[in-house]
Amino acid sequence: MEKVFYDLSSTTFSGYRCTLMKWGHCKGGYHRHAVLALVVNPQGLPFYWEVLPGNTADVTTMTWLLKRLNNLFENMPIEINPTLVFDRGMVSHENLALLEIANIKYISAMDKNQIEGVTGIDFQPFSHLQSQRCVLQADELENFDKLDAQSYYREIGVKGTRRYILCFNPQLKKAQRLARQQAVDEFRHFVGTQNRQLLAAKKSRQLKPTTDKFVRQLKKAKLNGFVDVELTAKELPGQNRPILTYQAQIRIDTFARLHTGRLDGFWLLVIRVLVGM
């Protein structure tokens, strides 16, 4: 019980009678579902779990968890002060402060958009690490120490009661870049499908609704940071008058793409340090 691990999962329903079931987003998409909260020890043995209403956001459960663990540990015959380990889905400034007020040790990771602000590091030079050579290039990272074949780390320091460690995994970088390329390929396929439909239009299309369809797909694929779509008007022959339609062409900003991937392979650990230790 020196460490306990906390995570959430969900299960979907096909019926309507479960009072905990709610419609909303879960790991499988949008379904009627309930949320399962699970706490396990380092051996993976669960010692506390509870079913929560569906559509319960991960980040909102920390207050609930603290109350349950306090009640659980108070009834144990020995004093237990475990380190709570959880993923970045539960991390917020309020939740970390709540744990610190309760004098609970924790280990987690910060959101990707918080890494630059916390570390104060310019990650732009890392954007040029090549996917095929980043395993070799990782050995040349300045101020990073090698932990094992997959991991490199750099101490950022202690701020208040929080210790930050920046980590880098070259295999993760390759995987994230591959996933981004797959998203680009899938968007190209989407554009091709839409272009064929636009060429088969039986009546004129309006520019804004047509543009919005591509923009929504870009945002859904999280490509709007470096991919844009240019629409060109095209006239098709009609029975009484020409049909106005459009054709889309993808524009990729290479520099913006590198900038978007500057944090690939990196994550930031945050560890609660007890004052006086």
C-alpha atoms as a PDB file:
ATOM      1  CA  MET A   1       0.000   0.000   0.000  1.00  0.00           C
ATOM      2  CA  GLU A   2       2.948   2.367  -0.454  1.00  0.00           C
ATOM      3  CA  LYS A   3       1.424   3.284  -3.815  1.00  0.00           C
ATOM      4  CA  VAL A   4      -2.170   3.112  -5.033  1.00  0.00           C
ATOM      5  CA  PHE A   5      -3.272   3.541  -8.632  1.00  0.00           C
ATOM      6  CA  TYR A   6      -6.514   5.238  -9.594  1.00  0.00           C
ATOM      7  CA  ASP A   7      -8.280   5.176 -12.949  1.00  0.00           C
ATOM      8  CA  LEU A   8     -11.708   5.329 -14.534  1.00  0.00           C
ATOM      9  CA  SER A   9     -13.365   3.221 -17.182  1.00  0.00           C
ATOM     10  CA  SER A  10     -16.889   3.000 -18.576  1.00  0.00           C
ATOM     11  CA  THR A  11     -19.418   0.417 -19.661  1.00  0.00           C
ATOM     12  CA  THR A  12     -22.228   0.966 -22.141  1.00  0.00           C
ATOM     13  CA  PHE A  13     -25.870  -0.075 -21.904  1.00  0.00           C
ATOM     14  CA  SER A  14     -28.506  -1.051 -24.430  1.00  0.00           C
ATOM     15  CA  GLY A  15     -31.431  -0.596 -22.034  1.00  0.00           C
ATOM     16  CA  TYR A  16     -32.924   2.434 -20.300  1.00  0.00           C
ATOM     17  CA  ARG A  17     -33.702   1.316 -16.736  1.00  0.00           C
ATOM     18  CA  CYS A  18     -30.290   1.746 -15.083  1.00  0.00           C
ATOM     19  CA  THR A  19     -30.523   4.859 -12.893  1.00  0.00           C
ATOM     20  CA  LEU A  20     -26.760   5.493 -13.137  1.00  0.00           C
ATOM     21  CA  MET A  21     -26.781   5.371 -16.918  1.00  0.00           C
ATOM     22  CA  LYS A  22     -26.321   8.711 -18.681  1.00  0.00           C
ATOM     23  CA  TRP A  23     -25.893   9.690 -22.303  1.00  0.00           C
ATOM     24  CA  GLY A  24     -22.557  11.277 -23.093  1.00  0.00           C
ATOM     25  CA  HIS A  25     -19.003  10.812 -24.291  1.00  0.00           C
ATOM     26  CA  CYS A  26     -17.071   7.788 -23.031  1.00  0.00           C
ATOM     27  CA  LYS A  27     -14.082   5.763 -24.207  1.00  0.00           C
ATOM     28  CA  GLY A  28     -16.196   4.103 -26.887  1.00  0.00           C
ATOM     29  CA  GLY A  29     -17.666   7.340 -28.260  1.00  0.00           C
ATOM     30  CA  TYR A  30     -21.126   8.700 -27.447  1.00  0.00           C
ATOM     31  CA  HIS A  31     -23.267   6.085 -25.689  1.00  0.00           C
ATOM     32  CA  ARG A  32     -25.528   5.489 -22.729  1.00  0.00           C
ATOM     33  CA  HIS A  33     -22.996   4.478 -20.121  1.00  0.00           C
ATOM     34  CA  ALA A  34     -21.938   4.339 -16.488  1.00  0.00           C
ATOM     35  CA  VAL A  35     -18.462   5.058 -15.107  1.00  0.00           C
ATOM     36  CA  LEU A  36     -16.396   2.582 -13.077  1.00  0.00           C
ATOM     37  CA  ALA A  37     -13.891   4.066 -10.611  1.00  0.00           C
ATOM     38  CA  LEU A  38     -11.177   1.626  -9.604  1.00  0.00           C
ATOM     39  CA  VAL A  39      -8.309   1.835  -7.093  1.00  0.00           C
ATOM     40  CA  VAL A  40      -5.645  -0.910  -7.132  1.00  0.00           C
ATOM     41  CA  ASN A  41      -2.389  -1.663  -5.331  1.00  0.00           C
ATOM     42  CA  PRO A  42       0.990  -2.123  -7.123  1.00  0.00           C
ATOM     43  CA  GLN A  43       0.164  -5.785  -7.769  1.00  0.00           C
ATOM     44  CA  GLY A  44      -2.980  -4.750  -9.640  1.00  0.00           C
ATOM     45  CA  LEU A  45      -5.330  -6.037  -6.947  1.00  0.00           C
ATOM     46  CA  PRO A  46      -8.402  -3.814  -6.574  1.00  0.00           C
ATOM     47  CA  PHE A  47      -9.240  -2.785  -3.024  1.00  0.00           C
ATOM     48  CA  TYR A  48     -11.877  -0.176  -3.756  1.00  0.00           C
ATOM     49  CA  TRP A  49     -14.269   0.439  -6.630  1.00  0.00           C
ATOM     50  CA  GLU A  50     -17.544   2.190  -7.203  1.00  0.00           C
ATOM     51  CA  VAL A  51     -19.948   2.769 -10.080  1.00  0.00           C
ATOM     52  CA  LEU A  52     -20.555   6.449 -10.855  1.00  0.00           C
ATOM     53  CA  PRO A  53     -23.176   8.094 -13.075  1.00  0.00           C
ATOM     54  CA  GLY A  54     -22.376   8.203 -16.769  1.00  0.00           C
ATOM     55  CA  ASN A  55     -20.881  11.363 -18.233  1.00  0.00           C
ATOM     56  CA  THR A  56     -18.830  11.908 -15.050  1.00  0.00           C
ATOM     57  CA  ALA A  57     -15.685  13.791 -16.064  1.00  0.00           C
ATOM     58  CA  ASP A  58     -12.410  12.295 -14.809  1.00  0.00           C
ATOM     59  CA  VAL A  59     -11.187  15.582 -13.390  1.00  0.00           C
ATOM     60  CA  THR A  60     -14.279  16.038 -11.194  1.00  0.00           C
ATOM     61  CA  THR A  61     -13.811  12.801  -9.239  1.00  0.00           C
ATOM     62  CA  MET A  62     -10.818  13.747  -7.104  1.00  0.00           C
ATOM     63  CA  THR A  63     -12.897  15.237  -4.261  1.00  0.00           C
ATOM     64  CA  TRP A  64     -15.042  12.110  -4.242  1.00  0.00           C
ATOM     65  CA  LEU A  65     -11.964   9.871  -4.199  1.00  0.00           C
ATOM     66  CA  LEU A  66     -10.359  11.694  -1.264  1.00  0.00           C
ATOM     67  CA  LYS A  67     -13.448  11.228   0.876  1.00  0.00           C
ATOM     68  CA  ARG A  68     -13.617   7.513   0.055  1.00  0.00           C
ATOM     69  CA  LEU A  69      -9.915   6.882   0.729  1.00  0.00           C
ATOM     70  CA  ASN A  70      -9.954   8.834   3.985  1.00  0.00           C
ATOM     71  CA  ASN A  71     -12.858   6.726   5.242  1.00  0.00           C
ATOM     72  CA  LEU A  72     -11.171   3.545   4.032  1.00  0.00           C
ATOM     73  CA  PHE A  73      -7.748   4.216   5.560  1.00  0.00           C
ATOM     74  CA  GLU A  74      -9.189   5.431   8.881  1.00  0.00           C
ATOM     75  CA  ASN A  75     -10.612   1.967   9.464  1.00  0.00           C
ATOM     76  CA  MET A  76      -7.318   0.165   8.815  1.00  0.00           C
ATOM     77  CA  PRO A  77      -5.302  -1.163  11.794  1.00  0.00           C
ATOM     78  CA  ILE A  78      -2.059   0.540  10.689  1.00  0.00           C
ATOM     79  CA  GLU A  79      -1.338   4.082   9.528  1.00  0.00           C
ATOM     80  CA  ILE A  80      -1.186   4.297   5.742  1.00  0.00           C
ATOM     81  CA  ASN A  81       0.032   7.288   3.758  1.00  0.00           C
ATOM     82  CA  PRO A  82       0.239   5.999   0.182  1.00  0.00           C
ATOM     83  CA  THR A  83       1.409   7.788  -2.937  1.00  0.00           C
ATOM     84  CA  LEU A  84      -1.553   8.248  -5.248  1.00  0.00           C
ATOM     85  CA  VAL A  85      -0.756   7.570  -8.921  1.00  0.00           C
ATOM     86  CA  PHE A  86      -3.193   8.748 -11.600  1.00  0.00           C
ATOM     87  CA  ASP A  87      -3.156   9.875 -15.212  1.00  0.00           C
ATOM     88  CA  ARG A  88      -3.286  13.393 -16.629  1.00  0.00           C
ATOM     89  CA  GLY A  89      -7.050  13.183 -17.133  1.00  0.00           C
ATOM     90  CA  MET A  90      -7.473  13.925 -13.405  1.00  0.00           C
ATOM     91  CA  VAL A  91      -4.914  16.739 -13.310  1.00  0.00           C
ATOM     92  CA  SER A  92      -5.991  20.310 -12.685  1.00  0.00           C
ATOM     93  CA  HIS A  93      -4.479  23.010 -10.491  1.00  0.00           C
ATOM     94  CA  GLU A  94      -7.451  22.682  -8.146  1.00  0.00           C
ATOM     95  CA  ASN A  95      -7.072  18.898  -7.809  1.00  0.00           C
ATOM     96  CA  LEU A  96      -3.340  19.052  -7.121  1.00  0.00           C
ATOM     97  CA  ALA A  97      -3.915  21.784  -4.539  1.00  0.00           C
ATOM     98  CA  LEU A  98      -6.628  19.654  -2.944  1.00  0.00           C
ATOM     99  CA  LEU A  99      -4.211  16.739  -2.559  1.00  0.00           C
ATOM    100  CA  GLU A 100      -1.540  19.022  -1.148  1.00  0.00           C
ATOM    101  CA  ILE A 101      -3.925  20.439   1.452  1.00  0.00           C
ATOM    102  CA  ALA A 102      -4.754  16.856   2.446  1.00  0.00           C
ATOM    103  CA  ASN A 103      -0.984  16.142   2.671  1.00  0.00           C
ATOM    104  CA  ILE A 104      -1.252  13.320   0.148  1.00  0.00           C
ATOM    105  CA  LYS A 105       1.736  12.364  -2.005  1.00  0.00           C
ATOM    106  CA  TYR A 106       1.039  11.906  -5.707  1.00  0.00           C
ATOM    107  CA  ILE A 107       2.601  11.145  -9.075  1.00  0.00           C
ATOM    108  CA  SER A 108       0.962  12.179 -12.313  1.00  0.00           C
ATOM    109  CA  ALA A 109       1.645  13.881 -15.634  1.00  0.00           C
ATOM    110  CA  MET A 110       0.797  17.371 -16.834  1.00  0.00           C
ATOM    111  CA  ASP A 111      -1.259  18.111 -19.916  1.00  0.00           C
ATOM    112  CA  LYS A 112       0.776  18.555 -23.064  1.00  0.00           C
ATOM    113  CA  ASN A 113      -0.217  22.217 -23.371  1.00  0.00           C
ATOM    114  CA  GLN A 114       1.252  22.868 -19.899  1.00  0.00           C
ATOM    115  CA  ILE A 115       4.740  21.496 -20.606  1.00  0.00           C
ATOM    116  CA  GLU A 116       6.261  24.635 -22.121  1.00  0.00           C
ATOM    117  CA  GLY A 117       4.849  26.951 -19.471  1.00  0.00           C
ATOM    118  CA  VAL A 118       6.072  24.832 -16.563  1.00  0.00           C
ATOM    119  CA  THR A 119       9.517  23.995 -17.947  1.00  0.00           C
ATOM    120  CA  GLY A 120      10.287  27.319 -19.630  1.00  0.00           C
ATOM    121  CA  ILE A 121      12.034  25.365 -22.406  1.00  0.00           C
ATOM    122  CA  ASP A 122      11.917  26.318 -26.086  1.00  0.00           C
ATOM    123  CA  PHE A 123      10.880  23.057 -27.776  1.00  0.00           C
ATOM    124  CA  GLN A 124      11.143  24.372 -31.318  1.00  0.00           C
ATOM    125  CA  PRO A 125      14.624  22.803 -31.864  1.00  0.00           C
ATOM    126  CA  PHE A 126      13.157  19.394 -30.978  1.00  0.00           C
ATOM    127  CA  SER A 127      10.678  19.653 -33.866  1.00  0.00           C
ATOM    128  CA  HIS A 128      13.501  18.782 -36.275  1.00  0.00           C
ATOM    129  CA  LEU A 129      14.199  15.393 -34.685  1.00  0.00           C
ATOM    130  CA  GLN A 130      13.651  12.892 -37.470  1.00  0.00           C
ATOM    131  CA  SER A 131      11.265   9.992 -36.936  1.00  0.00           C
ATOM    132  CA  GLN A 132      13.673   7.460 -38.446  1.00  0.00           C
ATOM    133  CA  ARG A 133      16.734   8.739 -36.571  1.00  0.00           C
ATOM    134  CA  CYS A 134      15.292  10.049 -33.302  1.00  0.00           C
ATOM    135  CA  VAL A 135      16.456   6.945 -31.405  1.00  0.00           C
ATOM    136  CA  LEU A 136      20.055   7.859 -32.286  1.00  0.00           C
ATOM    137  CA  GLN A 137      19.466  11.595 -31.930  1.00  0.00           C
ATOM    138  CA  ALA A 138      18.009  11.082 -28.453  1.00  0.00           C
ATOM    139  CA  ASP A 139      21.470  10.209 -27.138  1.00  0.00           C
ATOM    140  CA  GLU A 140      22.587  13.697 -28.140  1.00  0.00           C
ATOM    141  CA  LEU A 141      19.822  15.588 -26.296  1.00  0.00           C
ATOM    142  CA  GLU A 142      21.398  18.283 -24.149  1.00  0.00           C
ATOM    143  CA  ASN A 143      20.904  17.962 -20.365  1.00  0.00           C
ATOM    144  CA  PHE A 144      18.990  14.661 -20.697  1.00  0.00           C
ATOM    145  CA  ASP A 145      20.053  11.475 -18.909  1.00  0.00           C
ATOM    146  CA  LYS A 146      19.281   8.023 -20.261  1.00  0.00           C
ATOM    147  CA  LEU A 147      17.078   5.927 -17.991  1.00  0.00           C
ATOM    148  CA  ASP A 148      16.733   2.868 -20.219  1.00  0.00           C
ATOM    149  CA  ALA A 149      16.500   1.962 -23.906  1.00  0.00           C
ATOM    150  CA  GLN A 150      13.144   3.739 -24.197  1.00  0.00           C
ATOM    151  CA  SER A 151      13.349   6.691 -21.816  1.00  0.00           C
ATOM    152  CA  TYR A 152      15.356   9.852 -21.245  1.00  0.00           C
ATOM    153  CA  TYR A 153      14.741  12.371 -18.488  1.00  0.00           C
ATOM    154  CA  ARG A 154      15.717  15.843 -17.374  1.00  0.00           C
ATOM    155  CA  GLU A 155      15.183  17.299 -13.929  1.00  0.00           C
ATOM    156  CA  ILE A 156      13.268  20.567 -14.155  1.00  0.00           C
ATOM    157  CA  GLY A 157      13.357  21.261 -10.428  1.00  0.00           C
ATOM    158  CA  VAL A 158      11.050  21.806  -7.482  1.00  0.00           C
ATOM    159  CA  LYS A 159       8.492  24.591  -7.495  1.00  0.00           C
ATOM    160  CA  GLY A 160       6.729  24.892  -4.180  1.00  0.00           C
ATOM    161  CA  THR A 161       5.905  21.314  -3.222  1.00  0.00           C
ATOM    162  CA  ARG A 162       5.929  19.998  -6.796  1.00  0.00           C
ATOM    163  CA  ARG A 163       8.892  18.308  -8.425  1.00  0.00           C
ATOM    164  CA  TYR A 164       8.881  18.247 -12.226  1.00  0.00           C
ATOM    165  CA  ILE A 165      10.725  15.759 -14.438  1.00  0.00           C
ATOM    166  CA  LEU A 166      10.673  16.111 -18.217  1.00  0.00           C
ATOM    167  CA  CYS A 167      10.710  12.752 -20.019  1.00  0.00           C
ATOM    168  CA  PHE A 168      11.331  11.823 -23.639  1.00  0.00           C
ATOM    169  CA  ASN A 169      10.601   8.563 -25.438  1.00  0.00           C
ATOM    170  CA  PRO A 170      11.836   8.345 -29.063  1.00  0.00           C
ATOM    171  CA  GLN A 171       9.492   5.446 -29.847  1.00  0.00           C
ATOM    172  CA  LEU A 172       6.554   7.503 -28.614  1.00  0.00           C
ATOM    173  CA  LYS A 173       7.682  10.370 -30.849  1.00  0.00           C
ATOM    174  CA  LYS A 174       7.689   8.057 -33.864  1.00  0.00           C
ATOM    175  CA  ALA A 175       4.235   6.737 -32.953  1.00  0.00           C
ATOM    176  CA  GLN A 176       2.760  10.225 -32.509  1.00  0.00           C
ATOM    177  CA  ARG A 177       4.180  11.414 -35.831  1.00  0.00           C
ATOM    178  CA  LEU A 178       2.842   8.315 -37.532  1.00  0.00           C
ATOM    179  CA  ALA A 179      -0.593   8.937 -36.014  1.00  0.00           C
ATOM    180  CA  ARG A 180      -0.503  12.524 -37.294  1.00  0.00           C
ATOM    181  CA  GLN A 181       0.435  11.343 -40.791  1.00  0.00           C
ATOM    182  CA  GLN A 182      -2.402   8.822 -40.692  1.00  0.00           C
ATOM    183  CA  ALA A 183      -4.779  11.639 -39.747  1.00  0.00           C
ATOM    184  CA  VAL A 184      -3.538  13.634 -42.757  1.00  0.00           C
ATOM    185  CA  ASP A 185      -4.031  10.616 -45.038  1.00  0.00           C
ATOM    186  CA  GLU A 186      -7.549  10.076 -43.711  1.00  0.00           C
ATOM    187  CA  PHE A 187      -8.358  13.739 -44.287  1.00  0.00           C
ATOM    188  CA  ARG A 188      -7.070  13.464 -47.852  1.00  0.00           C
ATOM    189  CA  HIS A 189      -9.444  10.539 -48.333  1.00  0.00           C
ATOM    190  CA  PHE A 190     -12.295  12.625 -46.866  1.00  0.00           C
ATOM    191  CA  VAL A 191     -11.509  15.494 -49.262  1.00  0.00           C
ATOM    192  CA  GLY A 192     -11.415  13.107 -52.220  1.00  0.00           C
ATOM    193  CA  THR A 193     -14.806  11.675 -51.268  1.00  0.00           C
ATOM    194  CA  GLN A 194     -16.317  15.140 -50.834  1.00  0.00           C
ATOM    195  CA  ASN A 195     -14.886  16.325 -54.144  1.00  0.00           C
ATOM    196  CA  ARG A 196     -16.516  13.415 -55.972  1.00  0.00           C
ATOM    197  CA  GLN A 197     -19.829  14.218 -54.308  1.00  0.00           C
ATOM    198  CA  LEU A 198     -19.498  17.889 -55.236  1.00  0.00           C
ATOM    199  CA  LEU A 199     -18.858  16.964 -58.874  1.00  0.00           C
ATOM    200  CA  ALA A 200     -22.067  14.914 -58.808  1.00  0.00           C
ATOM    201  CA  ALA A 201     -24.150  17.819 -57.406  1.00  0.00           C
ATOM    202  CA  LYS A 202     -27.627  18.172 -58.863  1.00  0.00           C
ATOM    203  CA  LYS A 203     -28.086  21.709 -57.562  1.00  0.00           C
ATOM    204  CA  SER A 204     -25.811  24.621 -56.709  1.00  0.00           C
ATOM    205  CA  ARG A 205     -23.840  24.537 -53.454  1.00  0.00           C
ATOM    206  CA  GLN A 206     -23.261  27.502 -51.161  1.00  0.00           C
ATOM    207  CA  LEU A 207     -19.714  28.447 -50.249  1.00  0.00           C
ATOM    208  CA  LYS A 208     -20.036  28.816 -46.445  1.00  0.00           C
ATOM    209  CA  PRO A 209     -21.819  25.511 -45.678  1.00  0.00           C
ATOM    210  CA  THR A 210     -19.397  23.707 -47.996  1.00  0.00           C
ATOM    211  CA  THR A 211     -16.388  25.317 -46.324  1.00  0.00           C
ATOM    212  CA  ASP A 212     -17.747  24.604 -42.834  1.00  0.00           C
ATOM    213  CA  LYS A 213     -17.953  20.885 -43.614  1.00  0.00           C
ATOM    214  CA  PHE A 214     -14.208  20.750 -44.301  1.00  0.00           C
ATOM    215  CA  VAL A 215     -13.360  22.977 -41.332  1.00  0.00           C
ATOM    216  CA  ARG A 216     -15.329  20.748 -38.924  1.00  0.00           C
ATOM    217  CA  GLN A 217     -13.473  17.679 -40.174  1.00  0.00           C
ATOM    218  CA  LEU A 218     -10.131  19.457 -39.793  1.00  0.00           C
ATOM    219  CA  LYS A 219     -10.897  20.349 -36.189  1.00  0.00           C
ATOM    220  CA  LYS A 220     -12.162  16.844 -35.442  1.00  0.00           C
ATOM    221  CA  ALA A 221      -8.897  15.390 -36.793  1.00  0.00           C
ATOM    222  CA  LYS A 222      -6.899  18.073 -34.881  1.00  0.00           C
ATOM    223  CA  LEU A 223      -5.162  19.135 -38.090  1.00  0.00           C
ATOM    224  CA  ASN A 224      -6.330  22.744 -38.221  1.00  0.00           C
ATOM    225  CA  GLY A 225      -2.985  23.934 -36.841  1.00  0.00           C
ATOM    226  CA  PHE A 226      -1.116  23.210 -40.065  1.00  0.00           C
ATOM    227  CA  VAL A 227      -3.631  22.006 -42.675  1.00  0.00           C
ATOM    228  CA  ASP A 228      -5.974  24.263 -44.614  1.00  0.00           C
ATOM    229  CA  VAL A 229      -8.404  23.717 -47.463  1.00  0.00           C
ATOM    230  CA  GLU A 230      -8.783  25.998 -50.467  1.00  0.00           C
ATOM    231  CA  LEU A 231     -12.081  25.838 -52.361  1.00  0.00           C
ATOM    232  CA  THR A 232     -12.274  26.623 -56.059  1.00  0.00           C
ATOM    233  CA  ALA A 233     -15.600  27.354 -57.744  1.00  0.00           C
ATOM    234  CA  LYS A 234     -16.616  25.111 -60.622  1.00  0.00           C
ATOM    235  CA  GLU A 235     -19.615  25.211 -62.942  1.00  0.00           C
ATOM    236  CA  LEU A 236     -21.379  22.056 -64.048  1.00  0.00           C
ATOM    237  CA  PRO A 237     -23.923  21.870 -66.877  1.00  0.00           C
ATOM    238  CA  GLY A 238     -27.535  21.925 -65.679  1.00  0.00           C
ATOM    239  CA  GLN A 239     -30.903  21.535 -67.353  1.00  0.00           C
ATOM    240  CA  ASN A 240     -31.874  25.229 -67.160  1.00  0.00           C
ATOM    241  CA  ARG A 241     -28.748  26.947 -65.873  1.00  0.00           C
ATOM    242  CA  PRO A 242     -25.224  26.017 -64.746  1.00  0.00           C
ATOM    243  CA  ILE A 243     -24.774  24.319 -61.356  1.00  0.00           C
ATOM    244  CA  LEU A 244     -22.289  26.069 -59.092  1.00  0.00           C
ATOM    245  CA  THR A 245     -20.186  23.703 -57.025  1.00  0.00           C
ATOM    246  CA  TYR A 246     -16.678  23.580 -55.559  1.00  0.00           C
ATOM    247  CA  GLN A 247     -13.536  21.514 -55.479  1.00  0.00           C
ATOM    248  CA  ALA A 248     -11.282  21.405 -52.408  1.00  0.00           C
ATOM    249  CA  GLN A 249      -7.507  21.319 -52.374  1.00  0.00           C
ATOM    250  CA  ILE A 250      -5.380  20.626 -49.289  1.00  0.00           C
ATOM    251  CA  ARG A 251      -2.682  23.097 -48.255  1.00  0.00           C
ATOM    252  CA  ILE A 252      -0.094  21.956 -45.703  1.00  0.00           C
ATOM    253  CA  ASP A 253       2.161  24.438 -43.936  1.00  0.00           C
ATOM    254  CA  THR A 254       5.403  22.510 -43.445  1.00  0.00           C
ATOM    255  CA  PHE A 255       6.805  24.859 -40.795  1.00  0.00           C
ATOM    256  CA  ALA A 256       3.538  24.862 -38.836  1.00  0.00           C
ATOM    257  CA  ARG A 257       3.491  21.065 -39.044  1.00  0.00           C
ATOM    258  CA  LEU A 258       6.940  20.880 -37.465  1.00  0.00           C
ATOM    259  CA  HIS A 259       5.834  23.364 -34.795  1.00  0.00           C
ATOM    260  CA  THR A 260       2.735  21.269 -34.035  1.00  0.00           C
ATOM    261  CA  GLY A 261       4.927  18.205 -33.457  1.00  0.00           C
ATOM    262  CA  ARG A 262       7.578  19.910 -31.345  1.00  0.00           C
ATOM    263  CA  LEU A 263       6.318  18.161 -28.170  1.00  0.00           C
ATOM    264  CA  ASP A 264       6.007  14.701 -29.709  1.00  0.00           C
ATOM    265  CA  GLY A 265       7.594  12.094 -27.459  1.00  0.00           C
ATOM    266  CA  PHE A 266       7.712  14.390 -24.419  1.00  0.00           C
ATOM    267  CA  TRP A 267       5.701  14.274 -21.224  1.00  0.00           C
ATOM    268  CA  LEU A 268       6.099  15.977 -17.878  1.00  0.00           C
ATOM    269  CA  LEU A 269       5.894  14.127 -14.572  1.00  0.00           C
ATOM    270  CA  VAL A 270       4.694  16.029 -11.528  1.00  0.00           C
ATOM    271  CA  ILE A 271       5.530  14.581  -8.103  1.00  0.00           C
ATOM    272  CA  ARG A 272       4.420  15.886  -4.731  1.00  0.00           C
ATOM    273  CA  VAL A 273       7.355  16.333  -2.379  1.00  0.00           C
ATOM    274  CA  LEU A 274       6.692  16.538   1.343  1.00  0.00           C
ATOM    275  CA  VAL A 275       8.139  19.566   3.066  1.00  0.00           C
ATOM    276  CA  GLY A 276      11.064  18.658   5.306  1.00  0.00           C
ATOM    277  CA  MET A 277      11.839  15.377   3.527  1.00  0.00           C
END
